[in-house]
PDB file of N, CA and C in Angstrom:
ATOM      1  N   MET A   1      79.078  54.461 308.188  1.00  0.00           N
ATOM      2  CA  MET A   1      80.112  55.654 308.115  1.00  0.00           C
ATOM      3  C   MET A   1      79.288  57.033 307.547  1.00  0.00           C
ATOM      4  N   ARG A   2      79.032  57.926 307.907  1.00  0.00           N
ATOM      5  CA  ARG A   2      78.423  59.355 307.102  1.00  0.00           C
ATOM      6  C   ARG A   2      78.934  59.807 306.227  1.00  0.00           C
ATOM      7  N   LYS A   3      78.594  59.971 305.273  1.00  0.00           N
ATOM      8  CA  LYS A   3      79.261  60.368 304.071  1.00  0.00           C
ATOM      9  C   LYS A   3      79.507  62.099 304.798  1.00  0.00           C
ATOM     10  N   VAL A   4      80.505  62.430 303.935  1.00  0.00           N
ATOM     11  CA  VAL A   4      80.794  64.403 304.221  1.00  0.00           C
ATOM     12  C   VAL A   4      80.064  64.807 303.072  1.00  0.00           C
ATOM     13  N   MET A   5      79.324  65.505 303.148  1.00  0.00           N
ATOM     14  CA  MET A   5      78.379  66.573 302.270  1.00  0.00           C
ATOM     15  C   MET A   5      79.506  68.176 301.578  1.00  0.00           C
ATOM     16  N   SER A   6      79.576  67.941 300.152  1.00  0.00           N
ATOM     17  CA  SER A   6      80.109  69.625 300.239  1.00  0.00           C
ATOM     18  C   SER A   6      79.436  70.700 300.871  1.00  0.00           C
ATOM     19  N   ARG A   7      80.223  71.838 300.727  1.00  0.00           N
ATOM     20  CA  ARG A   7      79.466  72.733 301.614  1.00  0.00           C
ATOM     21  C   ARG A   7      77.979  73.348 300.811  1.00  0.00           C
ATOM     22  N   SER A   8      77.713  73.333 299.666  1.00  0.00           N
ATOM     23  CA  SER A   8      76.660  73.613 299.098  1.00  0.00           C
ATOM     24  C   SER A   8      75.341  72.561 299.314  1.00  0.00           C
ATOM     25  N   GLU A   9      75.695  71.445 299.560  1.00  0.00           N
ATOM     26  CA  GLU A   9      74.905  70.377 300.152  1.00  0.00           C
ATOM     27  C   GLU A   9      73.978  70.581 301.888  1.00  0.00           C
ATOM     28  N   PRO A  10      72.907  70.755 302.022  1.00  0.00           N
ATOM     29  CA  PRO A  10      72.687  70.522 303.276  1.00  0.00           C
ATOM     30  C   PRO A  10      72.687  69.526 304.156  1.00  0.00           C
ATOM     31  N   ASP A  11      72.847  69.497 305.687  1.00  0.00           N
ATOM     32  CA  ASP A  11      73.003  67.964 306.104  1.00  0.00           C
ATOM     33  C   ASP A  11      71.839  67.696 305.920  1.00  0.00           C
ATOM     34  N   ARG A  12      71.595  66.339 305.477  1.00  0.00           N
ATOM     35  CA  ARG A  12      70.235  65.494 305.606  1.00  0.00           C
ATOM     36  C   ARG A  12      69.507  65.938 306.775  1.00  0.00           C
ATOM     37  N   PHE A  13      70.473  65.212 307.863  1.00  0.00           N
ATOM     38  CA  PHE A  13      69.807  64.946 309.601  1.00  0.00           C
ATOM     39  C   PHE A  13      70.071  66.927 309.856  1.00  0.00           C
ATOM     40  N   GLU A  14      69.821  67.892 309.653  1.00  0.00           N
ATOM     41  CA  GLU A  14      69.752  68.769 309.824  1.00  0.00           C
ATOM     42  C   GLU A  14      68.545  69.388 309.878  1.00  0.00           C
ATOM     43  N   SER A  15      67.792  70.220 310.709  1.00  0.00           N
ATOM     44  CA  SER A  15      66.443  70.581 310.750  1.00  0.00           C
ATOM     45  C   SER A  15      66.236  71.939 309.579  1.00  0.00           C
ATOM     46  N   VAL A  16      64.810  71.555 309.114  1.00  0.00           N
ATOM     47  CA  VAL A  16      64.860  72.670 307.830  1.00  0.00           C
ATOM     48  C   VAL A  16      64.561  73.910 308.673  1.00  0.00           C
ATOM     49  N   ALA A  17      65.522  75.236 308.546  1.00  0.00           N
ATOM     50  CA  ALA A  17      65.159  76.437 309.330  1.00  0.00           C
ATOM     51  C   ALA A  17      64.283  76.872 308.119  1.00  0.00           C
ATOM     52  N   ASP A  18      63.176  77.539 308.921  1.00  0.00           N
ATOM     53  CA  ASP A  18      61.752  78.593 307.927  1.00  0.00           C
ATOM     54  C   ASP A  18      61.112  77.463 306.605  1.00  0.00           C
ATOM     55  N   LEU A  19      60.888  76.580 307.243  1.00  0.00           N
ATOM     56  CA  LEU A  19      60.361  75.590 305.990  1.00  0.00           C
ATOM     57  C   LEU A  19      58.749  75.643 305.950  1.00  0.00           C
ATOM     58  N   LEU A  20      58.104  76.044 304.841  1.00  0.00           N
ATOM     59  CA  LEU A  20      56.606  75.925 304.721  1.00  0.00           C
ATOM     60  C   LEU A  20      56.441  74.833 304.064  1.00  0.00           C
ATOM     61  N   ILE A  21      54.973  74.014 303.923  1.00  0.00           N
ATOM     62  CA  ILE A  21      54.810  72.758 303.088  1.00  0.00           C
ATOM     63  C   ILE A  21      53.285  73.146 302.966  1.00  0.00           C
ATOM     64  N   LEU A  22      53.094  73.631 301.974  1.00  0.00           N
ATOM     65  CA  LEU A  22      51.734  73.329 300.613  1.00  0.00           C
ATOM     66  C   LEU A  22      50.930  72.521 300.443  1.00  0.00           C
ATOM     67  N   ASP A  23      50.029  72.053 300.516  1.00  0.00           N
ATOM     68  CA  ASP A  23      49.446  71.062 299.787  1.00  0.00           C
ATOM     69  C   ASP A  23      49.367  71.736 298.451  1.00  0.00           C
ATOM     70  N   SER A  24      49.017  70.365 297.237  1.00  0.00           N
ATOM     71  CA  SER A  24      48.718  71.132 295.905  1.00  0.00           C
ATOM     72  C   SER A  24      47.687  72.269 295.825  1.00  0.00           C
ATOM     73  N   GLU A  25      46.871  72.251 296.454  1.00  0.00           N
ATOM     74  CA  GLU A  25      45.401  73.303 296.430  1.00  0.00           C
ATOM     75  C   GLU A  25      45.650  74.498 297.647  1.00  0.00           C
ATOM     76  N   GLY A  26      47.466  74.808 298.142  1.00  0.00           N
ATOM     77  CA  GLY A  26      48.190  75.743 298.499  1.00  0.00           C
ATOM     78  C   GLY A  26      47.516  75.671 299.770  1.00  0.00           C
ATOM     79  N   ARG A  27      46.917  75.324 300.699  1.00  0.00           N
ATOM     80  CA  ARG A  27      46.708  75.313 301.753  1.00  0.00           C
ATOM     81  C   ARG A  27      47.607  74.890 303.024  1.00  0.00           C
ATOM     82  N   CYS A  28      47.782  75.562 303.965  1.00  0.00           N
ATOM     83  CA  CYS A  28      49.765  75.408 304.682  1.00  0.00           C
ATOM     84  C   CYS A  28      49.120  73.942 305.252  1.00  0.00           C
ATOM     85  N   ILE A  29      50.116  73.037 305.508  1.00  0.00           N
ATOM     86  CA  ILE A  29      50.077  72.247 306.332  1.00  0.00           C
ATOM     87  C   ILE A  29      51.070  72.528 307.292  1.00  0.00           C
ATOM     88  N   TYR A  30      52.012  72.684 307.133  1.00  0.00           N
ATOM     89  CA  TYR A  30      53.150  72.576 308.104  1.00  0.00           C
ATOM     90  C   TYR A  30      53.978  74.148 307.694  1.00  0.00           C
ATOM     91  N   GLY A  31      53.617  74.960 308.845  1.00  0.00           N
ATOM     92  CA  GLY A  31      54.711  76.076 308.901  1.00  0.00           C
ATOM     93  C   GLY A  31      53.908  77.168 309.152  1.00  0.00           C
ATOM     94  N   ARG A  32      52.732  77.606 309.246  1.00  0.00           N
ATOM     95  CA  ARG A  32      51.831  78.426 309.226  1.00  0.00           C
ATOM     96  C   ARG A  32      51.966  79.582 310.389  1.00  0.00           C
ATOM     97  N   HIS A  33      52.843  79.086 311.197  1.00  0.00           N
ATOM     98  CA  HIS A  33      53.295  80.681 312.019  1.00  0.00           C
ATOM     99  C   HIS A  33      54.459  81.358 311.054  1.00  0.00           C
ATOM    100  N   LEU A  34      54.873  80.554 310.380  1.00  0.00           N
ATOM    101  CA  LEU A  34      56.230  80.949 309.617  1.00  0.00           C
ATOM    102  C   LEU A  34      55.475  82.287 308.248  1.00  0.00           C
ATOM    103  N   LEU A  35      53.787  81.542 307.961  1.00  0.00           N
ATOM    104  CA  LEU A  35      53.413  82.061 307.215  1.00  0.00           C
ATOM    105  C   LEU A  35      52.441  83.131 307.710  1.00  0.00           C
ATOM    106  N   ALA A  36      52.499  83.503 308.814  1.00  0.00           N
ATOM    107  CA  ALA A  36      51.526  84.751 309.643  1.00  0.00           C
ATOM    108  C   ALA A  36      52.828  85.618 309.613  1.00  0.00           C
ATOM    109  N   ASP A  37      54.194  85.229 310.047  1.00  0.00           N
ATOM    110  CA  ASP A  37      55.071  86.454 310.016  1.00  0.00           C
ATOM    111  C   ASP A  37      55.366  87.035 308.547  1.00  0.00           C
ATOM    112  N   ILE A  38      55.116  85.900 307.406  1.00  0.00           N
ATOM    113  CA  ILE A  38      55.456  86.621 306.095  1.00  0.00           C
ATOM    114  C   ILE A  38      54.711  87.684 306.102  1.00  0.00           C
ATOM    115  N   ALA A  39      52.935  86.980 306.551  1.00  0.00           N
ATOM    116  CA  ALA A  39      52.127  88.419 305.766  1.00  0.00           C
ATOM    117  C   ALA A  39      51.990  89.723 306.810  1.00  0.00           C
ATOM    118  N   ALA A  40      52.227  89.175 308.271  1.00  0.00           N
ATOM    119  CA  ALA A  40      52.837  90.502 308.889  1.00  0.00           C
ATOM    120  C   ALA A  40      54.147  91.583 308.747  1.00  0.00           C
ATOM    121  N   GLY A  41      54.760  90.759 307.575  1.00  0.00           N
ATOM    122  CA  GLY A  41      55.695  91.671 307.544  1.00  0.00           C
ATOM    123  C   GLY A  41      57.060  91.270 308.265  1.00  0.00           C
ATOM    124  N   ARG A  42      56.920  90.473 309.001  1.00  0.00           N
ATOM    125  CA  ARG A  42      58.068  89.835 309.694  1.00  0.00           C
ATOM    126  C   ARG A  42      59.326  88.936 309.008  1.00  0.00           C
ATOM    127  N   GLY A  43      58.807  88.603 307.700  1.00  0.00           N
ATOM    128  CA  GLY A  43      59.565  87.991 307.301  1.00  0.00           C
ATOM    129  C   GLY A  43      60.534  87.670 305.985  1.00  0.00           C
ATOM    130  N   SER A  44      61.483  88.633 306.555  1.00  0.00           N
ATOM    131  CA  SER A  44      62.409  89.238 305.730  1.00  0.00           C
ATOM    132  C   SER A  44      63.842  88.017 304.946  1.00  0.00           C
ATOM    133  N   ARG A  45      63.244  86.656 306.205  1.00  0.00           N
ATOM    134  CA  ARG A  45      64.315  85.828 305.919  1.00  0.00           C
ATOM    135  C   ARG A  45      63.946  84.869 304.572  1.00  0.00           C
ATOM    136  N   ARG A  46      65.070  84.160 303.950  1.00  0.00           N
ATOM    137  CA  ARG A  46      64.850  83.377 303.263  1.00  0.00           C
ATOM    138  C   ARG A  46      63.747  81.718 303.445  1.00  0.00           C
ATOM    139  N   VAL A  47      62.736  81.702 303.110  1.00  0.00           N
ATOM    140  CA  VAL A  47      61.868  80.506 302.911  1.00  0.00           C
ATOM    141  C   VAL A  47      62.055  79.024 302.193  1.00  0.00           C
ATOM    142  N   TYR A  48      62.718  78.087 302.682  1.00  0.00           N
ATOM    143  CA  TYR A  48      62.141  76.626 302.024  1.00  0.00           C
ATOM    144  C   TYR A  48      60.565  76.168 301.988  1.00  0.00           C
ATOM    145  N   LYS A  49      60.435  76.419 300.767  1.00  0.00           N
ATOM    146  CA  LYS A  49      58.999  75.638 300.498  1.00  0.00           C
ATOM    147  C   LYS A  49      58.967  74.898 299.440  1.00  0.00           C
ATOM    148  N   VAL A  50      58.226  73.769 299.982  1.00  0.00           N
ATOM    149  CA  VAL A  50      57.848  73.038 299.137  1.00  0.00           C
ATOM    150  C   VAL A  50      55.753  72.864 298.838  1.00  0.00           C
ATOM    151  N   ILE A  51      55.679  72.082 297.658  1.00  0.00           N
ATOM    152  CA  ILE A  51      54.135  72.308 297.155  1.00  0.00           C
ATOM    153  C   ILE A  51      54.312  71.299 296.956  1.00  0.00           C
ATOM    154  N   GLY A  52      52.874  70.604 296.969  1.00  0.00           N
ATOM    155  CA  GLY A  52      52.114  69.261 296.407  1.00  0.00           C
ATOM    156  C   GLY A  52      52.520  68.281 297.451  1.00  0.00           C
ATOM    157  N   ILE A  53      52.756  68.092 298.505  1.00  0.00           N
ATOM    158  CA  ILE A  53      52.553  66.994 299.855  1.00  0.00           C
ATOM    159  C   ILE A  53      51.147  66.926 299.879  1.00  0.00           C
ATOM    160  N   ALA A  54      50.657  66.166 299.945  1.00  0.00           N
ATOM    161  CA  ALA A  54      49.399  65.450 300.456  1.00  0.00           C
ATOM    162  C   ALA A  54      49.505  65.823 302.091  1.00  0.00           C
ATOM    163  N   ALA A  55      48.143  66.330 302.873  1.00  0.00           N
ATOM    164  CA  ALA A  55      47.953  66.409 303.986  1.00  0.00           C
ATOM    165  C   ALA A  55      47.841  65.183 304.704  1.00  0.00           C
ATOM    166  N   GLU A  56      47.366  63.908 304.274  1.00  0.00           N
ATOM    167  CA  GLU A  56      47.145  62.733 304.672  1.00  0.00           C
ATOM    168  C   GLU A  56      48.837  62.422 304.362  1.00  0.00           C
ATOM    169  N   VAL A  57      49.570  62.451 303.714  1.00  0.00           N
ATOM    170  CA  VAL A  57      51.052  61.999 303.776  1.00  0.00           C
ATOM    171  C   VAL A  57      51.582  62.219 304.800  1.00  0.00           C
ATOM    172  N   LEU A  58      51.428  63.803 305.212  1.00  0.00           N
ATOM    173  CA  LEU A  58      52.035  64.434 306.699  1.00  0.00           C
ATOM    174  C   LEU A  58      51.469  63.829 307.593  1.00  0.00           C
ATOM    175  N   VAL A  59      50.495  63.662 307.644  1.00  0.00           N
ATOM    176  CA  VAL A  59      49.918  63.208 308.799  1.00  0.00           C
ATOM    177  C   VAL A  59      50.243  61.457 309.107  1.00  0.00           C
ATOM    178  N   VAL A  60      50.378  60.937 308.082  1.00  0.00           N
ATOM    179  CA  VAL A  60      50.645  59.607 308.605  1.00  0.00           C
ATOM    180  C   VAL A  60      52.489  59.527 308.938  1.00  0.00           C
ATOM    181  N   TYR A  61      52.955  60.495 308.098  1.00  0.00           N
ATOM    182  CA  TYR A  61      54.463  60.530 308.552  1.00  0.00           C
ATOM    183  C   TYR A  61      54.492  60.935 310.023  1.00  0.00           C
ATOM    184  N   MET A  62      54.372  61.586 310.478  1.00  0.00           N
ATOM    185  CA  MET A  62      54.169  62.424 311.290  1.00  0.00           C
ATOM    186  C   MET A  62      53.891  61.566 312.769  1.00  0.00           C
ATOM    187  N   ALA A  63      52.745  60.707 312.568  1.00  0.00           N
ATOM    188  CA  ALA A  63      52.085  59.940 313.329  1.00  0.00           C
ATOM    189  C   ALA A  63      53.131  58.533 313.674  1.00  0.00           C
ATOM    190  N   TYR A  64      53.597  58.458 312.751  1.00  0.00           N
ATOM    191  CA  TYR A  64      55.030  57.441 312.466  1.00  0.00           C
ATOM    192  C   TYR A  64      56.219  57.694 313.161  1.00  0.00           C
ATOM    193  N   GLU A  65      56.574  58.727 312.915  1.00  0.00           N
ATOM    194  CA  GLU A  65      57.845  59.167 312.924  1.00  0.00           C
ATOM    195  C   GLU A  65      58.119  59.939 314.319  1.00  0.00           C
ATOM    196  N   PHE A  66      57.013  60.574 314.690  1.00  0.00           N
ATOM    197  CA  PHE A  66      57.078  61.282 315.960  1.00  0.00           C
ATOM    198  C   PHE A  66      56.036  61.270 316.871  1.00  0.00           C
ATOM    199  N   ARG A  67      55.735  59.467 317.466  1.00  0.00           N
ATOM    200  CA  ARG A  67      54.635  59.148 318.037  1.00  0.00           C
ATOM    201  C   ARG A  67      54.587  59.583 319.323  1.00  0.00           C
ATOM    202  N   GLU A  68      55.913  60.086 319.613  1.00  0.00           N
ATOM    203  CA  GLU A  68      55.685  60.558 321.141  1.00  0.00           C
ATOM    204  C   GLU A  68      54.981  61.591 321.320  1.00  0.00           C
ATOM    205  N   VAL A  69      54.991  62.691 319.757  1.00  0.00           N
ATOM    206  CA  VAL A  69      54.050  63.861 319.948  1.00  0.00           C
ATOM    207  C   VAL A  69      52.387  63.735 320.250  1.00  0.00           C
ATOM    208  N   SER A  70      51.885  63.850 320.992  1.00  0.00           N
ATOM    209  CA  SER A  70      50.408  63.457 321.324  1.00  0.00           C
ATOM    210  C   SER A  70      49.444  64.108 320.281  1.00  0.00           C
ATOM    211  N   GLU A  71      49.954  65.497 319.643  1.00  0.00           N
ATOM    212  CA  GLU A  71      48.917  66.109 318.952  1.00  0.00           C
ATOM    213  C   GLU A  71      49.458  64.771 317.224  1.00  0.00           C
ATOM    214  N   CYS A  72      50.657  64.348 317.004  1.00  0.00           N
ATOM    215  CA  CYS A  72      50.417  63.625 315.841  1.00  0.00           C
ATOM    216  C   CYS A  72      49.683  62.252 315.831  1.00  0.00           C
ATOM    217  N   ARG A  73      49.919  62.088 316.785  1.00  0.00           N
ATOM    218  CA  ARG A  73      48.706  60.889 317.049  1.00  0.00           C
ATOM    219  C   ARG A  73      46.914  61.184 317.246  1.00  0.00           C
ATOM    220  N   GLU A  74      47.061  62.493 317.926  1.00  0.00           N
ATOM    221  CA  GLU A  74      45.256  62.692 317.627  1.00  0.00           C
ATOM    222  C   GLU A  74      45.200  63.387 316.014  1.00  0.00           C
ATOM    223  N   ALA A  75      46.055  63.976 315.257  1.00  0.00           N
ATOM    224  CA  ALA A  75      45.780  63.919 313.790  1.00  0.00           C
ATOM    225  C   ALA A  75      45.794  62.864 313.060  1.00  0.00           C
ATOM    226  N   LEU A  76      46.284  61.785 313.589  1.00  0.00           N
ATOM    227  CA  LEU A  76      46.164  60.771 312.927  1.00  0.00           C
ATOM    228  C   LEU A  76      44.696  59.606 313.349  1.00  0.00           C
ATOM    229  N   LYS A  77      44.321  60.166 314.046  1.00  0.00           N
ATOM    230  CA  LYS A  77      42.792  59.657 314.746  1.00  0.00           C
ATOM    231  C   LYS A  77      41.915  60.392 313.744  1.00  0.00           C
ATOM    232  N   LEU A  78      41.966  61.805 313.439  1.00  0.00           N
ATOM    233  CA  LEU A  78      41.274  62.311 312.962  1.00  0.00           C
ATOM    234  C   LEU A  78      40.659  62.001 311.798  1.00  0.00           C
ATOM    235  N   LEU A  79      42.442  61.877 311.274  1.00  0.00           N
ATOM    236  CA  LEU A  79      42.669  61.352 309.700  1.00  0.00           C
ATOM    237  C   LEU A  79      41.650  59.874 309.332  1.00  0.00           C
ATOM    238  N   VAL A  80      41.641  59.111 310.291  1.00  0.00           N
ATOM    239  CA  VAL A  80      41.138  57.768 310.106  1.00  0.00           C
ATOM    240  C   VAL A  80      39.750  57.983 310.275  1.00  0.00           C
ATOM    241  N   ALA A  81      39.055  59.040 310.734  1.00  0.00           N
ATOM    242  CA  ALA A  81      37.894  59.197 311.173  1.00  0.00           C
ATOM    243  C   ALA A  81      37.227  60.187 310.059  1.00  0.00           C
ATOM    244  N   GLY A  82      38.441  60.767 309.217  1.00  0.00           N
ATOM    245  CA  GLY A  82      37.599  61.172 307.601  1.00  0.00           C
ATOM    246  C   GLY A  82      37.861  63.001 307.632  1.00  0.00           C
ATOM    247  N   SER A  83      38.838  63.224 308.928  1.00  0.00           N
ATOM    248  CA  SER A  83      39.182  64.767 308.266  1.00  0.00           C
ATOM    249  C   SER A  83      40.422  65.361 308.766  1.00  0.00           C
ATOM    250  N   ILE A  84      40.605  66.236 308.722  1.00  0.00           N
ATOM    251  CA  ILE A  84      41.613  66.794 309.148  1.00  0.00           C
ATOM    252  C   ILE A  84      42.169  68.337 309.429  1.00  0.00           C
ATOM    253  N   ASP A  85      42.355  68.201 310.420  1.00  0.00           N
ATOM    254  CA  ASP A  85      42.400  69.880 311.524  1.00  0.00           C
ATOM    255  C   ASP A  85      43.512  70.448 311.174  1.00  0.00           C
ATOM    256  N   TYR A  86      43.576  71.454 310.113  1.00  0.00           N
ATOM    257  CA  TYR A  86      44.628  72.172 310.041  1.00  0.00           C
ATOM    258  C   TYR A  86      45.260  72.781 310.716  1.00  0.00           C
ATOM    259  N   ASP A  87      44.141  73.480 311.923  1.00  0.00           N
ATOM    260  CA  ASP A  87      44.696  74.119 313.054  1.00  0.00           C
ATOM    261  C   ASP A  87      45.694  73.276 314.191  1.00  0.00           C
ATOM    262  N   LEU A  88      45.372  72.011 314.050  1.00  0.00           N
ATOM    263  CA  LEU A  88      46.317  71.086 315.040  1.00  0.00           C
ATOM    264  C   LEU A  88      47.735  70.861 313.888  1.00  0.00           C
ATOM    265  N   LEU A  89      47.398  70.441 312.684  1.00  0.00           N
ATOM    266  CA  LEU A  89      48.567  70.772 311.688  1.00  0.00           C
ATOM    267  C   LEU A  89      49.771  72.075 312.195  1.00  0.00           C
ATOM    268  N   ALA A  90      49.344  73.136 312.513  1.00  0.00           N
ATOM    269  CA  ALA A  90      49.832  74.023 312.870  1.00  0.00           C
ATOM    270  C   ALA A  90      50.378  74.596 313.832  1.00  0.00           C
ATOM    271  N   ARG A  91      49.769  73.645 315.042  1.00  0.00           N
ATOM    272  CA  ARG A  91      50.366  72.814 316.255  1.00  0.00           C
ATOM    273  C   ARG A  91      51.517  72.520 316.589  1.00  0.00           C
ATOM    274  N   ILE A  92      51.285  70.872 315.322  1.00  0.00           N
ATOM    275  CA  ILE A  92      52.210  70.269 315.290  1.00  0.00           C
ATOM    276  C   ILE A  92      53.404  70.698 314.350  1.00  0.00           C
ATOM    277  N   SER A  93      53.422  72.059 313.730  1.00  0.00           N
ATOM    278  CA  SER A  93      54.526  71.946 312.885  1.00  0.00           C
ATOM    279  C   SER A  93      55.757  72.793 314.235  1.00  0.00           C
ATOM    280  N   GLU A  94      55.082  73.390 315.148  1.00  0.00           N
ATOM    281  CA  GLU A  94      55.215  74.282 315.797  1.00  0.00           C
ATOM    282  C   GLU A  94      56.139  73.495 317.399  1.00  0.00           C
ATOM    283  N   LYS A  95      55.950  72.041 317.133  1.00  0.00           N
ATOM    284  CA  LYS A  95      56.381  71.021 318.256  1.00  0.00           C
ATOM    285  C   LYS A  95      57.450  70.643 317.239  1.00  0.00           C
ATOM    286  N   VAL A  96      57.336  69.681 316.460  1.00  0.00           N
ATOM    287  CA  VAL A  96      58.008  68.879 315.517  1.00  0.00           C
ATOM    288  C   VAL A  96      58.979  70.152 313.984  1.00  0.00           C
ATOM    289  N   LYS A  97      60.205  69.651 314.251  1.00  0.00           N
ATOM    290  CA  LYS A  97      60.977  70.180 313.441  1.00  0.00           C
ATOM    291  C   LYS A  97      61.797  69.178 312.401  1.00  0.00           C
ATOM    292  N   LEU A  98      61.299  69.644 311.384  1.00  0.00           N
ATOM    293  CA  LEU A  98      61.322  68.480 310.122  1.00  0.00           C
ATOM    294  C   LEU A  98      62.976  68.719 309.772  1.00  0.00           C
ATOM    295  N   THR A  99      63.777  67.327 309.060  1.00  0.00           N
ATOM    296  CA  THR A  99      64.981  67.751 308.700  1.00  0.00           C
ATOM    297  C   THR A  99      64.793  67.437 307.136  1.00  0.00           C
ATOM    298  N   PHE A 100      65.831  67.674 306.300  1.00  0.00           N
ATOM    299  CA  PHE A 100      66.251  67.376 305.034  1.00  0.00           C
ATOM    300  C   PHE A 100      66.049  65.746 304.777  1.00  0.00           C
ATOM    301  N   ASP A 101      65.919  65.229 305.792  1.00  0.00           N
ATOM    302  CA  ASP A 101      65.857  63.214 305.609  1.00  0.00           C
ATOM    303  C   ASP A 101      64.540  63.200 305.562  1.00  0.00           C
ATOM    304  N   ASP A 102      63.414  64.240 306.259  1.00  0.00           N
ATOM    305  CA  ASP A 102      61.811  63.897 306.697  1.00  0.00           C
ATOM    306  C   ASP A 102      61.398  64.073 305.299  1.00  0.00           C
ATOM    307  N   LEU A 103      61.893  65.385 304.655  1.00  0.00           N
ATOM    308  CA  LEU A 103      61.529  65.758 303.451  1.00  0.00           C
ATOM    309  C   LEU A 103      61.381  64.797 302.344  1.00  0.00           C
ATOM    310  N   GLU A 104      62.395  64.292 302.868  1.00  0.00           N
ATOM    311  CA  GLU A 104      62.949  63.519 301.336  1.00  0.00           C
ATOM    312  C   GLU A 104      62.085  62.268 301.734  1.00  0.00           C
ATOM    313  N   GLN A 105      61.553  61.854 302.616  1.00  0.00           N
ATOM    314  CA  GLN A 105      60.766  60.687 302.609  1.00  0.00           C
ATOM    315  C   GLN A 105      59.078  61.085 302.493  1.00  0.00           C
ATOM    316  N   LEU A 106      59.093  62.283 302.981  1.00  0.00           N
ATOM    317  CA  LEU A 106      57.294  62.787 302.555  1.00  0.00           C
ATOM    318  C   LEU A 106      57.165  62.675 301.012  1.00  0.00           C
ATOM    319  N   ARG A 107      58.009  62.833 300.543  1.00  0.00           N
ATOM    320  CA  ARG A 107      58.049  63.110 299.018  1.00  0.00           C
ATOM    321  C   ARG A 107      58.199  61.792 297.946  1.00  0.00           C
ATOM    322  N   GLU A 108      58.676  60.715 298.780  1.00  0.00           N
ATOM    323  CA  GLU A 108      58.553  59.616 298.686  1.00  0.00           C
ATOM    324  C   GLU A 108      57.490  58.591 298.756  1.00  0.00           C
ATOM    325  N   LEU A 109      56.686  59.056 300.053  1.00  0.00           N
ATOM    326  CA  LEU A 109      55.458  58.589 300.711  1.00  0.00           C
ATOM    327  C   LEU A 109      54.213  59.021 299.473  1.00  0.00           C
ATOM    328  N   HIS A 110      54.503  60.591 298.949  1.00  0.00           N
ATOM    329  CA  HIS A 110      53.614  61.031 298.621  1.00  0.00           C
ATOM    330  C   HIS A 110      53.967  60.430 297.012  1.00  0.00           C
ATOM    331  N   PHE A 111      54.660  60.041 296.492  1.00  0.00           N
ATOM    332  CA  PHE A 111      54.854  59.795 295.360  1.00  0.00           C
ATOM    333  C   PHE A 111      54.253  58.451 295.046  1.00  0.00           C
ATOM    334  N   ARG A 112      54.825  57.341 295.999  1.00  0.00           N
ATOM    335  CA  ARG A 112      54.149  55.991 296.346  1.00  0.00           C
ATOM    336  C   ARG A 112      52.409  56.163 296.251  1.00  0.00           C
ATOM    337  N   GLY A 113      52.035  56.678 297.153  1.00  0.00           N
ATOM    338  CA  GLY A 113      50.622  56.943 297.588  1.00  0.00           C
ATOM    339  C   GLY A 113      49.657  57.750 296.014  1.00  0.00           C
ATOM    340  N   LYS A 114      50.561  58.529 295.197  1.00  0.00           N
ATOM    341  CA  LYS A 114      49.954  58.649 293.968  1.00  0.00           C
ATOM    342  C   LYS A 114      50.288  57.610 292.729  1.00  0.00           C
ATOM    343  N   LEU A 115      50.986  56.957 292.908  1.00  0.00           N
ATOM    344  CA  LEU A 115      51.148  55.439 291.964  1.00  0.00           C
ATOM    345  C   LEU A 115      50.164  54.523 292.519  1.00  0.00           C
ATOM    346  N   TYR A 116      49.917  54.323 293.708  1.00  0.00           N
ATOM    347  CA  TYR A 116      48.932  53.293 294.540  1.00  0.00           C
ATOM    348  C   TYR A 116      47.750  53.826 293.561  1.00  0.00           C
ATOM    349  N   HIS A 117      47.155  55.085 293.828  1.00  0.00           N
ATOM    350  CA  HIS A 117      45.949  55.376 293.568  1.00  0.00           C
ATOM    351  C   HIS A 117      45.772  55.822 292.463  1.00  0.00           C
ATOM    352  N   ASN A 118      46.550  56.130 291.297  1.00  0.00           N
ATOM    353  CA  ASN A 118      46.470  56.241 289.968  1.00  0.00           C
ATOM    354  C   ASN A 118      47.292  55.084 289.201  1.00  0.00           C
ATOM    355  N   PRO A 119      47.384  53.939 288.942  1.00  0.00           N
ATOM    356  CA  PRO A 119      48.030  53.355 288.546  1.00  0.00           C
ATOM    357  C   PRO A 119      48.371  53.772 286.803  1.00  0.00           C
ATOM    358  N   ILE A 120      49.856  53.294 286.598  1.00  0.00           N
ATOM    359  CA  ILE A 120      50.262  54.016 285.287  1.00  0.00           C
ATOM    360  C   ILE A 120      49.158  52.895 284.191  1.00  0.00           C
TER     361      ILE A 120
END
């Protein structure tokens, strides 16, 4: 049974409109087209911004959850080879629309990765 959410809470399975994800160094890893719109003065709308997700986490998540998108699989192959193509991530963000649930999953994966690499 799906929980009915209050009007103030977003639907977890709704696509996040105007989403911008930046890694901890400020590089855009999702939503570069939105960033370009803002820079060009076409960004008068409200932006949902997430900061600090590792690009590696985004690539792995996208390759698993959106394996039918060839660019996601290509990004994973590049990651395994030791590189991240930010232009490819920009193309992916135009094809793949993330939901609020996807963002929660990304945050969880990022947090688990930090714990694994930096045990307390």
